[in-house]
Amino acid sequence: MDAKQLYNKMVDFKQYGTVLLAVGVFFYLGTIIPSETKVMTDIYIATGASVGFLAGSVSFFSIAKKFRSQLIETEEGQELLMKK
């Protein structure tokens, strides 16, 4: 794969991971902020969503790290990483 494509994929996966992290934190805050009208089912759903989004975030960050290590192995990839 071309170094420029790897770099673009790495950046995309980092952005996906950041978005999923933000959404996961949002759901987590929904579970810990006290509310009078909370039903246990809602708490379980929010907790499951939080765990799912955070797991997705970790997987996207690990994929971005894999692409970064592939870029470091090539000279053109190292130049792209140094520029940006």
N, C-alpha and C. Protein backbone atom coordinates (compact mmCIF):
# COMPACT_ATOMS: atom_id res chain seq x y z
N MET A 1 0.85 -1.18 0.00
CA MET A 1 0.00 0.00 0.00
C MET A 1 0.90 1.25 0.00
N ASP A 2 0.45 2.27 -0.65
CA ASP A 2 1.18 3.52 -0.74
C ASP A 2 1.29 4.19 0.63
N ALA A 3 2.40 4.86 0.88
CA ALA A 3 2.63 5.51 2.18
C ALA A 3 1.60 6.61 2.44
N LYS A 4 1.22 7.32 1.40
CA LYS A 4 0.23 8.39 1.57
C LYS A 4 -1.12 7.81 1.97
N GLN A 5 -1.50 6.67 1.38
CA GLN A 5 -2.76 6.01 1.75
C GLN A 5 -2.70 5.51 3.19
N LEU A 6 -1.56 4.94 3.58
CA LEU A 6 -1.41 4.48 4.97
C LEU A 6 -1.51 5.65 5.94
N TYR A 7 -0.90 6.76 5.57
CA TYR A 7 -0.95 7.94 6.44
C TYR A 7 -2.40 8.44 6.58
N ASN A 8 -3.11 8.50 5.46
CA ASN A 8 -4.50 8.96 5.51
C ASN A 8 -5.37 8.02 6.33
N LYS A 9 -5.15 6.72 6.19
CA LYS A 9 -5.91 5.75 6.99
C LYS A 9 -5.58 5.89 8.47
N MET A 10 -4.30 6.11 8.78
CA MET A 10 -3.91 6.29 10.17
C MET A 10 -4.62 7.49 10.78
N VAL A 11 -4.65 8.59 10.06
CA VAL A 11 -5.31 9.80 10.54
C VAL A 11 -6.82 9.56 10.70
N ASP A 12 -7.42 8.88 9.74
CA ASP A 12 -8.85 8.59 9.82
C ASP A 12 -9.18 7.73 11.03
N PHE A 13 -8.40 6.68 11.25
CA PHE A 13 -8.67 5.80 12.38
C PHE A 13 -8.45 6.51 13.72
N LYS A 14 -7.50 7.43 13.78
CA LYS A 14 -7.33 8.22 15.00
C LYS A 14 -8.56 9.09 15.24
N GLN A 15 -9.09 9.68 14.19
CA GLN A 15 -10.28 10.51 14.33
C GLN A 15 -11.49 9.68 14.73
N TYR A 16 -11.65 8.50 14.12
CA TYR A 16 -12.74 7.61 14.51
C TYR A 16 -12.62 7.23 15.98
N GLY A 17 -11.41 6.91 16.40
CA GLY A 17 -11.18 6.55 17.80
C GLY A 17 -11.50 7.69 18.74
N THR A 18 -11.16 8.90 18.36
CA THR A 18 -11.44 10.07 19.19
C THR A 18 -12.95 10.29 19.31
N VAL A 19 -13.66 10.15 18.21
CA VAL A 19 -15.12 10.34 18.24
C VAL A 19 -15.76 9.27 19.12
N LEU A 20 -15.35 8.01 18.95
CA LEU A 20 -15.92 6.94 19.76
C LEU A 20 -15.58 7.12 21.23
N LEU A 21 -14.39 7.62 21.53
CA LEU A 21 -14.02 7.90 22.91
C LEU A 21 -14.92 8.96 23.52
N ALA A 22 -15.20 10.02 22.76
CA ALA A 22 -16.07 11.09 23.25
C ALA A 22 -17.48 10.58 23.50
N VAL A 23 -18.01 9.78 22.59
CA VAL A 23 -19.36 9.24 22.75
C VAL A 23 -19.41 8.27 23.93
N GLY A 24 -18.37 7.44 24.08
CA GLY A 24 -18.31 6.52 25.20
C GLY A 24 -18.27 7.23 26.53
N VAL A 25 -17.51 8.32 26.61
CA VAL A 25 -17.46 9.11 27.84
C VAL A 25 -18.81 9.75 28.11
N PHE A 26 -19.48 10.20 27.06
CA PHE A 26 -20.81 10.79 27.21
C PHE A 26 -21.78 9.78 27.84
N PHE A 27 -21.77 8.55 27.33
CA PHE A 27 -22.65 7.53 27.91
C PHE A 27 -22.23 7.18 29.33
N TYR A 28 -20.93 7.16 29.60
CA TYR A 28 -20.47 6.87 30.95
C TYR A 28 -20.94 7.95 31.92
N LEU A 29 -20.84 9.20 31.51
CA LEU A 29 -21.31 10.28 32.37
C LEU A 29 -22.81 10.17 32.62
N GLY A 30 -23.53 9.66 31.64
CA GLY A 30 -24.97 9.45 31.80
C GLY A 30 -25.28 8.41 32.87
N THR A 31 -24.36 7.50 33.09
CA THR A 31 -24.61 6.48 34.12
C THR A 31 -24.25 6.96 35.51
N ILE A 32 -23.26 7.86 35.62
CA ILE A 32 -22.83 8.25 36.96
C ILE A 32 -23.48 9.53 37.48
N ILE A 33 -24.07 10.33 36.60
CA ILE A 33 -24.74 11.55 37.05
C ILE A 33 -26.09 11.15 37.65
N PRO A 34 -26.35 11.55 38.88
CA PRO A 34 -27.60 11.12 39.51
C PRO A 34 -28.84 11.76 38.86
N SER A 35 -29.89 10.97 38.81
CA SER A 35 -31.16 11.42 38.26
C SER A 35 -32.28 10.72 39.00
N GLU A 36 -33.40 11.40 39.17
CA GLU A 36 -34.51 10.82 39.91
C GLU A 36 -35.31 9.82 39.09
N THR A 37 -35.29 9.95 37.79
CA THR A 37 -36.16 9.12 36.95
C THR A 37 -35.41 7.98 36.28
N LYS A 38 -34.27 7.57 36.83
CA LYS A 38 -33.50 6.50 36.21
C LYS A 38 -34.12 5.14 36.50
N VAL A 39 -34.20 4.34 35.47
CA VAL A 39 -34.63 2.96 35.59
C VAL A 39 -33.38 2.11 35.42
N MET A 40 -33.31 0.99 36.09
CA MET A 40 -32.11 0.16 36.03
C MET A 40 -31.82 -0.31 34.60
N THR A 41 -32.86 -0.53 33.83
CA THR A 41 -32.65 -0.94 32.44
C THR A 41 -31.92 0.14 31.66
N ASP A 42 -32.28 1.40 31.89
CA ASP A 42 -31.60 2.51 31.21
C ASP A 42 -30.13 2.58 31.60
N ILE A 43 -29.84 2.32 32.87
CA ILE A 43 -28.45 2.35 33.34
C ILE A 43 -27.66 1.22 32.67
N TYR A 44 -28.26 0.04 32.57
CA TYR A 44 -27.58 -1.09 31.93
C TYR A 44 -27.33 -0.82 30.45
N ILE A 45 -28.30 -0.22 29.80
CA ILE A 45 -28.13 0.10 28.37
C ILE A 45 -27.03 1.14 28.19
N ALA A 46 -27.03 2.18 29.01
CA ALA A 46 -26.00 3.21 28.90
C ALA A 46 -24.62 2.65 29.23
N THR A 47 -24.55 1.76 30.21
CA THR A 47 -23.27 1.15 30.56
C THR A 47 -22.77 0.26 29.42
N GLY A 48 -23.66 -0.52 28.84
CA GLY A 48 -23.28 -1.36 27.71
C GLY A 48 -22.84 -0.54 26.51
N ALA A 49 -23.55 0.55 26.25
CA ALA A 49 -23.16 1.43 25.13
C ALA A 49 -21.80 2.06 25.40
N SER A 50 -21.59 2.47 26.64
CA SER A 50 -20.31 3.07 27.01
C SER A 50 -19.17 2.08 26.80
N VAL A 51 -19.35 0.86 27.28
CA VAL A 51 -18.31 -0.15 27.11
C VAL A 51 -18.09 -0.46 25.64
N GLY A 52 -19.15 -0.55 24.88
CA GLY A 52 -19.02 -0.82 23.44
C GLY A 52 -18.27 0.28 22.70
N PHE A 53 -18.63 1.51 22.97
CA PHE A 53 -17.95 2.62 22.30
C PHE A 53 -16.49 2.73 22.73
N LEU A 54 -16.22 2.51 24.00
CA LEU A 54 -14.84 2.58 24.47
C LEU A 54 -14.00 1.43 23.89
N ALA A 55 -14.60 0.25 23.76
CA ALA A 55 -13.89 -0.87 23.13
C ALA A 55 -13.62 -0.58 21.66
N GLY A 56 -14.59 0.01 20.99
CA GLY A 56 -14.37 0.41 19.59
C GLY A 56 -13.27 1.45 19.46
N SER A 57 -13.24 2.37 20.41
CA SER A 57 -12.21 3.40 20.40
C SER A 57 -10.82 2.79 20.56
N VAL A 58 -10.70 1.85 21.49
CA VAL A 58 -9.41 1.19 21.70
C VAL A 58 -9.00 0.43 20.45
N SER A 59 -9.93 -0.24 19.81
CA SER A 59 -9.58 -0.99 18.60
C SER A 59 -9.17 -0.06 17.47
N PHE A 60 -9.84 1.06 17.31
CA PHE A 60 -9.45 2.00 16.26
C PHE A 60 -8.08 2.62 16.54
N PHE A 61 -7.80 2.93 17.81
CA PHE A 61 -6.47 3.46 18.13
C PHE A 61 -5.39 2.41 17.90
N SER A 62 -5.68 1.15 18.16
CA SER A 62 -4.67 0.11 17.91
C SER A 62 -4.44 -0.09 16.42
N ILE A 63 -5.49 0.02 15.60
CA ILE A 63 -5.32 -0.07 14.15
C ILE A 63 -4.49 1.11 13.65
N ALA A 64 -4.74 2.31 14.18
CA ALA A 64 -3.95 3.48 13.79
C ALA A 64 -2.49 3.29 14.19
N LYS A 65 -2.26 2.68 15.33
CA LYS A 65 -0.89 2.42 15.77
C LYS A 65 -0.20 1.43 14.84
N LYS A 66 -0.94 0.42 14.36
CA LYS A 66 -0.39 -0.55 13.42
C LYS A 66 0.01 0.14 12.12
N PHE A 67 -0.86 1.04 11.63
CA PHE A 67 -0.53 1.77 10.41
C PHE A 67 0.69 2.67 10.63
N ARG A 68 0.78 3.27 11.81
CA ARG A 68 1.94 4.12 12.11
C ARG A 68 3.23 3.31 12.11
N SER A 69 3.19 2.12 12.67
CA SER A 69 4.40 1.29 12.67
C SER A 69 4.77 0.86 11.26
N GLN A 70 3.77 0.63 10.40
CA GLN A 70 4.06 0.32 9.00
C GLN A 70 4.68 1.52 8.30
N LEU A 71 4.23 2.72 8.66
CA LEU A 71 4.80 3.93 8.05
C LEU A 71 6.24 4.15 8.50
N ILE A 72 6.52 3.84 9.75
CA ILE A 72 7.87 4.04 10.27
C ILE A 72 8.87 3.14 9.55
N GLU A 73 8.42 1.98 9.07
CA GLU A 73 9.31 1.04 8.39
C GLU A 73 9.75 1.54 7.03
N THR A 74 9.01 2.46 6.41
CA THR A 74 9.38 2.95 5.09
C THR A 74 9.96 4.35 5.20
N GLU A 75 10.82 4.67 4.27
CA GLU A 75 11.45 6.00 4.29
C GLU A 75 10.44 7.10 3.94
N GLU A 76 9.59 6.82 2.95
CA GLU A 76 8.57 7.80 2.55
C GLU A 76 7.57 8.04 3.70
N GLY A 77 7.25 6.97 4.42
CA GLY A 77 6.35 7.09 5.56
C GLY A 77 6.95 7.92 6.68
N GLN A 78 8.25 7.76 6.92
CA GLN A 78 8.91 8.57 7.94
C GLN A 78 8.89 10.04 7.57
N GLU A 79 9.06 10.33 6.29
CA GLU A 79 9.00 11.73 5.84
C GLU A 79 7.61 12.31 6.06
N LEU A 80 6.56 11.51 5.77
CA LEU A 80 5.19 11.99 5.99
C LEU A 80 4.93 12.26 7.47
N LEU A 81 5.42 11.39 8.32
CA LEU A 81 5.20 11.57 9.76
C LEU A 81 5.96 12.78 10.29
N MET A 82 7.12 13.06 9.72
CA MET A 82 7.91 14.21 10.18
C MET A 82 7.32 15.53 9.73
N LYS A 83 6.69 15.55 8.55
CA LYS A 83 6.11 16.79 8.02
C LYS A 83 4.91 17.24 8.83
N LYS A 84 4.08 16.31 9.24
CA LYS A 84 2.79 16.67 9.82
C LYS A 84 2.78 16.47 11.27
